[in-house]
Every structure is written in C-alpha cells, then in structure tokens.
Amino acid sequence: MKAVVGDRITMAAEHVGERVREGTIREVHGENGAPPYLVEWSDGHSGLIHPGPGSVLKCEHEETSSQGS
C-alpha cells in the first residue's frame, strides 16, 4: 500500500455489527508512502495504524490536474 498525506482511507469493520471507519491520512511514517499512517478519523479521533494481514483498506488519492498556458 502506498499513500500520501491527504488521502482518504476506509477501513472495514473488524467485527460484525461494527461500523466502517473513514478518515484522512495526516502523516506517513514509512518509506515511499508505506505504513504506518497517522489517521484522523471521521469521529474526530486520531491514531497511528499499521495495516496487518486481513486488513481491508482503500486509499483514495485526490486527483490534481495542471493545465499549461
């Protein structure tokens, strides 16, 4: 997995009945976009995550476009 600051991340619930967690990556601590990541979750909490085996994560990079004049 490769992420950059500002990416949105969605992590599947670990147990049945739990909600999906959504947040924004605020810091990337690994080399070349690798984990661990400091994530600010939608509920206002922040935490350092290091996805392990069985984790389901989805990173969405914000698209940037540049136009030449």
N, C-alpha and C. Protein backbone atom coordinates (compact mmCIF):
# COMPACT_ATOMS: atom_id res chain seq x y z
N MET A 1 0.84 -1.17 0.00
CA MET A 1 0.00 0.00 0.00
C MET A 1 0.88 1.23 0.00
N LYS A 2 0.49 2.21 -0.78
CA LYS A 2 1.22 3.47 -0.86
C LYS A 2 0.22 4.60 -0.70
N ALA A 3 0.50 5.51 0.22
CA ALA A 3 -0.42 6.61 0.48
C ALA A 3 0.36 7.91 0.61
N VAL A 4 -0.36 9.02 0.49
CA VAL A 4 0.21 10.34 0.69
C VAL A 4 -0.70 11.12 1.64
N VAL A 5 -0.13 12.13 2.28
CA VAL A 5 -0.91 12.97 3.19
C VAL A 5 -2.10 13.55 2.43
N GLY A 6 -3.27 13.48 3.03
CA GLY A 6 -4.49 13.98 2.42
C GLY A 6 -5.35 12.90 1.81
N ASP A 7 -4.80 11.69 1.63
CA ASP A 7 -5.59 10.59 1.11
C ASP A 7 -6.71 10.25 2.07
N ARG A 8 -7.84 9.86 1.52
CA ARG A 8 -8.96 9.35 2.31
C ARG A 8 -8.75 7.86 2.45
N ILE A 9 -9.05 7.33 3.63
CA ILE A 9 -8.86 5.90 3.87
C ILE A 9 -10.12 5.34 4.51
N THR A 10 -10.52 4.17 4.07
CA THR A 10 -11.67 3.47 4.62
C THR A 10 -11.20 2.12 5.11
N MET A 11 -11.53 1.79 6.35
CA MET A 11 -11.11 0.51 6.92
C MET A 11 -12.36 -0.26 7.32
N ALA A 12 -12.46 -1.48 6.84
CA ALA A 12 -13.60 -2.34 7.13
C ALA A 12 -13.67 -2.62 8.63
N ALA A 13 -14.86 -2.87 9.10
CA ALA A 13 -15.07 -3.22 10.50
C ALA A 13 -14.38 -4.53 10.82
N GLU A 14 -13.86 -4.63 12.05
CA GLU A 14 -13.19 -5.85 12.47
C GLU A 14 -14.17 -6.92 12.93
N HIS A 15 -15.36 -6.50 13.40
CA HIS A 15 -16.34 -7.43 13.93
C HIS A 15 -17.71 -7.12 13.35
N VAL A 16 -18.54 -8.14 13.25
CA VAL A 16 -19.91 -7.97 12.77
C VAL A 16 -20.63 -6.98 13.67
N GLY A 17 -21.36 -6.06 13.05
CA GLY A 17 -22.11 -5.07 13.80
C GLY A 17 -21.35 -3.78 14.04
N GLU A 18 -20.04 -3.76 13.77
CA GLU A 18 -19.27 -2.53 13.91
C GLU A 18 -19.35 -1.74 12.62
N ARG A 19 -19.15 -0.44 12.75
CA ARG A 19 -19.22 0.44 11.59
C ARG A 19 -17.88 0.48 10.85
N VAL A 20 -17.94 0.79 9.58
CA VAL A 20 -16.75 1.04 8.77
C VAL A 20 -16.14 2.34 9.28
N ARG A 21 -14.80 2.41 9.33
CA ARG A 21 -14.12 3.62 9.78
C ARG A 21 -13.59 4.37 8.57
N GLU A 22 -13.81 5.68 8.57
CA GLU A 22 -13.33 6.52 7.48
C GLU A 22 -12.50 7.65 8.06
N GLY A 23 -11.44 8.01 7.37
CA GLY A 23 -10.59 9.07 7.86
C GLY A 23 -9.69 9.63 6.78
N THR A 24 -8.82 10.54 7.22
CA THR A 24 -7.87 11.20 6.33
C THR A 24 -6.46 10.97 6.86
N ILE A 25 -5.56 10.59 5.98
CA ILE A 25 -4.17 10.37 6.37
C ILE A 25 -3.52 11.73 6.60
N ARG A 26 -2.99 11.94 7.81
CA ARG A 26 -2.36 13.20 8.18
C ARG A 26 -0.84 13.12 8.16
N GLU A 27 -0.28 11.92 8.39
CA GLU A 27 1.17 11.72 8.35
C GLU A 27 1.46 10.33 7.80
N VAL A 28 2.52 10.23 7.02
CA VAL A 28 3.00 8.94 6.50
C VAL A 28 4.37 8.71 7.14
N HIS A 29 4.52 7.64 7.92
CA HIS A 29 5.74 7.39 8.66
C HIS A 29 6.67 6.38 7.99
N GLY A 30 6.20 5.65 6.99
CA GLY A 30 7.03 4.68 6.30
C GLY A 30 7.72 5.29 5.09
N GLU A 31 8.63 4.53 4.51
CA GLU A 31 9.34 4.99 3.32
C GLU A 31 8.47 4.85 2.08
N ASN A 32 8.56 5.81 1.20
CA ASN A 32 7.86 5.77 -0.10
C ASN A 32 6.36 5.55 0.04
N GLY A 33 5.73 6.16 1.03
CA GLY A 33 4.28 6.07 1.20
C GLY A 33 3.80 4.84 1.93
N ALA A 34 4.72 4.07 2.51
CA ALA A 34 4.34 2.85 3.23
C ALA A 34 3.87 3.18 4.65
N PRO A 35 3.08 2.28 5.25
CA PRO A 35 2.64 2.49 6.63
C PRO A 35 3.82 2.42 7.59
N PRO A 36 3.62 2.89 8.80
CA PRO A 36 2.36 3.26 9.43
C PRO A 36 1.91 4.67 9.04
N TYR A 37 0.60 4.91 9.25
CA TYR A 37 -0.04 6.18 8.93
C TYR A 37 -0.71 6.75 10.16
N LEU A 38 -0.60 8.07 10.33
CA LEU A 38 -1.40 8.75 11.34
C LEU A 38 -2.68 9.16 10.65
N VAL A 39 -3.80 8.65 11.15
CA VAL A 39 -5.10 8.88 10.52
C VAL A 39 -5.98 9.69 11.46
N GLU A 40 -6.62 10.72 10.92
CA GLU A 40 -7.66 11.46 11.64
C GLU A 40 -8.99 10.87 11.19
N TRP A 41 -9.66 10.18 12.11
CA TRP A 41 -10.91 9.50 11.79
C TRP A 41 -12.06 10.48 11.76
N SER A 42 -13.14 10.11 11.08
CA SER A 42 -14.31 10.99 10.93
C SER A 42 -14.98 11.31 12.26
N ASP A 43 -14.72 10.52 13.30
CA ASP A 43 -15.31 10.80 14.61
C ASP A 43 -14.47 11.78 15.42
N GLY A 44 -13.37 12.29 14.82
CA GLY A 44 -12.53 13.27 15.49
C GLY A 44 -11.31 12.70 16.18
N HIS A 45 -11.26 11.40 16.36
CA HIS A 45 -10.11 10.76 16.98
C HIS A 45 -8.99 10.58 15.96
N SER A 46 -7.76 10.50 16.45
CA SER A 46 -6.62 10.24 15.59
C SER A 46 -5.89 9.01 16.13
N GLY A 47 -5.23 8.30 15.24
CA GLY A 47 -4.46 7.14 15.67
C GLY A 47 -3.48 6.71 14.62
N LEU A 48 -2.42 6.07 15.08
CA LEU A 48 -1.40 5.53 14.20
C LEU A 48 -1.81 4.11 13.84
N ILE A 49 -1.91 3.83 12.54
CA ILE A 49 -2.29 2.48 12.11
C ILE A 49 -1.18 1.88 11.27
N HIS A 50 -1.05 0.59 11.40
CA HIS A 50 -0.12 -0.19 10.58
C HIS A 50 -0.90 -1.41 10.13
N PRO A 51 -1.50 -1.35 8.94
CA PRO A 51 -2.35 -2.44 8.48
C PRO A 51 -1.62 -3.77 8.49
N GLY A 52 -2.27 -4.77 9.04
CA GLY A 52 -1.70 -6.11 9.09
C GLY A 52 -2.46 -7.05 8.18
N PRO A 53 -2.07 -8.33 8.19
CA PRO A 53 -2.76 -9.32 7.37
C PRO A 53 -4.25 -9.35 7.71
N GLY A 54 -5.07 -9.41 6.70
CA GLY A 54 -6.51 -9.46 6.91
C GLY A 54 -7.17 -8.10 6.95
N SER A 55 -6.38 -7.02 6.99
CA SER A 55 -6.96 -5.68 6.98
C SER A 55 -7.46 -5.36 5.59
N VAL A 56 -8.59 -4.66 5.53
CA VAL A 56 -9.14 -4.24 4.25
C VAL A 56 -9.12 -2.73 4.25
N LEU A 57 -8.26 -2.16 3.42
CA LEU A 57 -8.12 -0.72 3.37
C LEU A 57 -8.28 -0.23 1.94
N LYS A 58 -8.77 0.98 1.81
CA LYS A 58 -8.92 1.59 0.50
C LYS A 58 -8.43 3.02 0.59
N CYS A 59 -7.40 3.35 -0.13
CA CYS A 59 -6.89 4.72 -0.16
C CYS A 59 -7.36 5.38 -1.44
N GLU A 60 -7.81 6.60 -1.32
CA GLU A 60 -8.24 7.37 -2.48
C GLU A 60 -7.36 8.59 -2.56
N HIS A 61 -6.54 8.66 -3.61
CA HIS A 61 -5.69 9.82 -3.82
C HIS A 61 -6.53 10.93 -4.43
N GLU A 62 -6.36 12.14 -3.91
CA GLU A 62 -7.04 13.27 -4.54
C GLU A 62 -6.37 13.54 -5.86
N GLU A 63 -7.16 13.64 -6.89
CA GLU A 63 -6.61 13.89 -8.22
C GLU A 63 -6.28 15.36 -8.37
N THR A 64 -5.10 15.63 -8.89
CA THR A 64 -4.71 17.01 -9.17
C THR A 64 -4.44 17.12 -10.66
N SER A 65 -4.87 18.19 -11.22
CA SER A 65 -4.63 18.39 -12.65
C SER A 65 -3.93 19.73 -12.83
N SER A 66 -3.05 19.75 -13.79
CA SER A 66 -2.38 21.00 -14.10
C SER A 66 -2.57 21.28 -15.57
N GLN A 67 -2.84 22.53 -15.86
CA GLN A 67 -3.05 22.92 -17.24
C GLN A 67 -1.98 23.95 -17.61
N GLY A 68 -1.34 23.74 -18.72
CA GLY A 68 -0.33 24.70 -19.18
C GLY A 68 -0.98 25.83 -19.94
N SER A 69 -0.43 27.03 -19.81
CA SER A 69 -0.97 28.17 -20.54
C SER A 69 0.01 28.58 -21.58
